[in-house]
N, C-alpha and C. Protein backbone atom coordinates (compact mmCIF):
# COMPACT_ATOMS: atom_id res chain seq x y z
N MET A 1 3.75 -0.29 -25.56
CA MET A 1 3.08 -0.72 -24.37
C MET A 1 1.74 -1.33 -24.73
N SER A 2 1.27 -2.16 -23.84
CA SER A 2 0.06 -2.91 -24.13
C SER A 2 -0.87 -2.88 -22.92
N THR A 3 -2.15 -3.04 -23.16
CA THR A 3 -3.11 -3.15 -22.06
C THR A 3 -3.54 -4.59 -21.87
N THR A 4 -2.96 -5.52 -22.59
CA THR A 4 -3.25 -6.93 -22.40
C THR A 4 -2.14 -7.54 -21.55
N SER A 5 -2.47 -8.58 -20.80
CA SER A 5 -1.48 -9.21 -19.96
C SER A 5 -1.83 -10.66 -19.73
N PRO A 6 -0.87 -11.43 -19.23
CA PRO A 6 -1.15 -12.82 -18.87
C PRO A 6 -2.06 -12.88 -17.66
N ASP A 7 -2.50 -14.08 -17.28
CA ASP A 7 -3.36 -14.27 -16.12
C ASP A 7 -2.61 -13.84 -14.87
N LEU A 8 -3.12 -12.83 -14.19
CA LEU A 8 -2.46 -12.31 -12.99
C LEU A 8 -3.27 -12.58 -11.73
N SER A 9 -4.28 -13.47 -11.86
CA SER A 9 -5.08 -13.81 -10.68
C SER A 9 -4.21 -14.54 -9.67
N GLY A 10 -4.38 -14.22 -8.43
CA GLY A 10 -3.60 -14.86 -7.38
C GLY A 10 -2.21 -14.30 -7.18
N VAL A 11 -1.86 -13.28 -7.94
CA VAL A 11 -0.54 -12.66 -7.83
C VAL A 11 -0.56 -11.65 -6.69
N GLU A 12 0.53 -11.60 -5.91
CA GLU A 12 0.64 -10.59 -4.86
C GLU A 12 1.25 -9.33 -5.46
N TRP A 13 0.55 -8.22 -5.29
CA TRP A 13 0.99 -6.94 -5.84
C TRP A 13 1.64 -6.11 -4.74
N LEU A 14 2.63 -5.31 -5.10
CA LEU A 14 3.35 -4.43 -4.18
C LEU A 14 3.09 -2.99 -4.58
N LYS A 15 2.65 -2.17 -3.63
CA LYS A 15 2.39 -0.75 -3.92
C LYS A 15 3.71 0.01 -3.91
N SER A 16 3.84 0.94 -4.83
CA SER A 16 5.03 1.78 -4.90
C SER A 16 5.20 2.57 -3.62
N SER A 17 6.44 2.69 -3.17
CA SER A 17 6.73 3.49 -1.97
C SER A 17 6.45 4.97 -2.22
N HIS A 18 6.39 5.37 -3.48
CA HIS A 18 6.10 6.77 -3.83
C HIS A 18 4.61 7.07 -3.81
N SER A 19 3.77 6.06 -3.63
CA SER A 19 2.32 6.28 -3.64
C SER A 19 1.84 6.99 -2.38
N GLY A 20 2.50 6.77 -1.27
CA GLY A 20 2.13 7.44 -0.03
C GLY A 20 0.81 6.93 0.54
N ASN A 21 0.38 7.54 1.61
CA ASN A 21 -0.85 7.13 2.28
C ASN A 21 -1.99 8.12 2.04
N GLY A 22 -1.79 9.11 1.21
CA GLY A 22 -2.79 10.14 0.99
C GLY A 22 -3.85 9.78 -0.02
N GLY A 23 -3.82 8.57 -0.57
CA GLY A 23 -4.83 8.15 -1.52
C GLY A 23 -4.62 8.71 -2.92
N GLY A 24 -3.44 9.22 -3.18
CA GLY A 24 -3.15 9.81 -4.49
C GLY A 24 -2.83 8.75 -5.52
N SER A 25 -1.83 9.00 -6.31
CA SER A 25 -1.43 8.09 -7.37
C SER A 25 -0.87 6.81 -6.76
N CYS A 26 -1.57 5.73 -6.92
CA CYS A 26 -1.17 4.46 -6.32
C CYS A 26 -0.89 3.44 -7.42
N VAL A 27 0.36 3.22 -7.66
CA VAL A 27 0.79 2.28 -8.69
C VAL A 27 1.36 1.06 -7.99
N GLU A 28 1.03 -0.12 -8.50
CA GLU A 28 1.60 -1.34 -7.92
C GLU A 28 1.96 -2.33 -9.01
N TRP A 29 2.82 -3.27 -8.67
CA TRP A 29 3.30 -4.29 -9.59
C TRP A 29 3.59 -5.56 -8.81
N PRO A 30 3.62 -6.71 -9.49
CA PRO A 30 3.92 -7.97 -8.83
C PRO A 30 5.42 -8.28 -8.93
N PRO A 31 6.22 -7.93 -7.90
CA PRO A 31 7.67 -8.09 -7.98
C PRO A 31 8.16 -9.53 -8.13
N SER A 32 7.37 -10.50 -7.68
CA SER A 32 7.82 -11.89 -7.76
C SER A 32 7.38 -12.58 -9.05
N LEU A 33 6.64 -11.88 -9.89
CA LEU A 33 6.13 -12.49 -11.11
C LEU A 33 7.21 -12.57 -12.18
N GLU A 34 7.36 -13.72 -12.77
CA GLU A 34 8.33 -13.92 -13.84
C GLU A 34 7.61 -13.87 -15.18
N ILE A 35 7.65 -12.72 -15.83
CA ILE A 35 7.10 -12.59 -17.17
C ILE A 35 8.24 -12.12 -18.06
N VAL A 36 8.53 -12.89 -19.06
CA VAL A 36 9.64 -12.57 -19.94
C VAL A 36 9.33 -11.31 -20.74
N GLY A 37 10.17 -10.30 -20.57
CA GLY A 37 10.10 -9.13 -21.41
C GLY A 37 9.15 -8.02 -21.03
N VAL A 38 8.29 -8.20 -20.00
CA VAL A 38 7.36 -7.13 -19.64
C VAL A 38 7.26 -6.96 -18.12
N ILE A 39 6.85 -5.76 -17.72
CA ILE A 39 6.57 -5.46 -16.32
C ILE A 39 5.12 -5.01 -16.23
N PRO A 40 4.25 -5.77 -15.55
CA PRO A 40 2.85 -5.37 -15.42
C PRO A 40 2.69 -4.35 -14.29
N VAL A 41 1.87 -3.34 -14.50
CA VAL A 41 1.54 -2.34 -13.48
C VAL A 41 0.04 -2.09 -13.50
N ARG A 42 -0.49 -1.66 -12.36
CA ARG A 42 -1.92 -1.35 -12.28
C ARG A 42 -2.15 -0.25 -11.25
N ASP A 43 -3.34 0.29 -11.25
CA ASP A 43 -3.78 1.29 -10.29
C ASP A 43 -4.31 0.55 -9.07
N SER A 44 -3.71 0.75 -7.91
CA SER A 44 -4.14 0.01 -6.72
C SER A 44 -5.54 0.39 -6.27
N LYS A 45 -6.03 1.54 -6.69
CA LYS A 45 -7.39 1.94 -6.33
C LYS A 45 -8.42 1.21 -7.19
N ARG A 46 -7.97 0.58 -8.29
CA ARG A 46 -8.86 -0.17 -9.19
C ARG A 46 -8.23 -1.54 -9.48
N PRO A 47 -8.11 -2.40 -8.47
CA PRO A 47 -7.42 -3.68 -8.67
C PRO A 47 -8.06 -4.60 -9.70
N GLN A 48 -9.35 -4.41 -9.97
CA GLN A 48 -10.00 -5.22 -11.00
C GLN A 48 -9.95 -4.54 -12.36
N GLY A 49 -9.36 -3.36 -12.41
CA GLY A 49 -9.26 -2.61 -13.66
C GLY A 49 -8.17 -3.15 -14.55
N PRO A 50 -7.84 -2.42 -15.61
CA PRO A 50 -6.86 -2.89 -16.58
C PRO A 50 -5.44 -2.92 -16.01
N VAL A 51 -4.62 -3.76 -16.60
CA VAL A 51 -3.20 -3.87 -16.27
C VAL A 51 -2.42 -3.42 -17.49
N LEU A 52 -1.47 -2.56 -17.26
CA LEU A 52 -0.60 -2.09 -18.33
C LEU A 52 0.68 -2.91 -18.28
N THR A 53 1.10 -3.48 -19.40
CA THR A 53 2.36 -4.20 -19.44
C THR A 53 3.36 -3.36 -20.21
N VAL A 54 4.47 -3.05 -19.55
CA VAL A 54 5.51 -2.21 -20.12
C VAL A 54 6.70 -3.10 -20.49
N PRO A 55 7.19 -3.03 -21.72
CA PRO A 55 8.38 -3.80 -22.07
C PRO A 55 9.55 -3.43 -21.15
N LYS A 56 10.29 -4.45 -20.67
CA LYS A 56 11.41 -4.19 -19.76
C LYS A 56 12.38 -3.18 -20.35
N ALA A 57 12.62 -3.23 -21.63
CA ALA A 57 13.55 -2.29 -22.27
C ALA A 57 13.05 -0.85 -22.20
N ALA A 58 11.72 -0.67 -22.13
CA ALA A 58 11.14 0.67 -22.08
C ALA A 58 10.92 1.16 -20.65
N TRP A 59 11.12 0.31 -19.65
CA TRP A 59 10.83 0.67 -18.26
C TRP A 59 11.56 1.92 -17.79
N PRO A 60 12.88 2.06 -18.02
CA PRO A 60 13.56 3.28 -17.56
C PRO A 60 12.97 4.56 -18.17
N ALA A 61 12.64 4.54 -19.44
CA ALA A 61 12.04 5.72 -20.08
C ALA A 61 10.64 5.97 -19.52
N PHE A 62 9.88 4.91 -19.30
CA PHE A 62 8.52 5.02 -18.77
C PHE A 62 8.54 5.64 -17.37
N THR A 63 9.36 5.09 -16.47
CA THR A 63 9.40 5.62 -15.11
C THR A 63 10.02 7.02 -15.09
N GLY A 64 10.97 7.28 -15.96
CA GLY A 64 11.55 8.62 -16.05
C GLY A 64 10.53 9.65 -16.49
N ALA A 65 9.67 9.28 -17.43
CA ALA A 65 8.63 10.19 -17.89
C ALA A 65 7.62 10.47 -16.78
N ILE A 66 7.32 9.45 -15.98
CA ILE A 66 6.39 9.64 -14.86
C ILE A 66 7.01 10.58 -13.83
N ARG A 67 8.26 10.32 -13.47
CA ARG A 67 8.94 11.18 -12.48
C ARG A 67 9.05 12.62 -12.95
N GLY A 68 9.27 12.79 -14.25
CA GLY A 68 9.44 14.12 -14.80
C GLY A 68 8.15 14.83 -15.15
N GLY A 69 7.02 14.18 -14.92
CA GLY A 69 5.73 14.78 -15.23
C GLY A 69 5.40 14.76 -16.71
N GLY A 70 6.05 13.88 -17.47
CA GLY A 70 5.84 13.81 -18.90
C GLY A 70 4.64 13.01 -19.36
N LEU A 71 3.94 12.36 -18.42
CA LEU A 71 2.75 11.60 -18.75
C LEU A 71 1.56 12.26 -18.07
N PRO A 72 0.45 12.40 -18.79
CA PRO A 72 -0.72 13.04 -18.17
C PRO A 72 -1.35 12.13 -17.12
N ALA A 73 -1.84 12.71 -16.06
CA ALA A 73 -2.57 11.95 -15.04
C ALA A 73 -3.96 11.67 -15.55
N GLY A 74 -4.51 10.58 -15.14
CA GLY A 74 -5.85 10.32 -15.62
C GLY A 74 -6.37 9.10 -15.11
């Protein structure tokens, strides 16, 4: 995984339906963005903050680890 990404200015981001309205963990991604091989994600509470790019091949393991509590919150 990488913390570098292509220019994402002007991209429309979609908040995860699992984020809820309670102000908790808010993850979003640009579903219409065509980036070969990676999925960019960011914290919706910090839209100017860093973007994490996850390789598409690693996405199922990444999201599974999040669902299973295998990644520390921070």
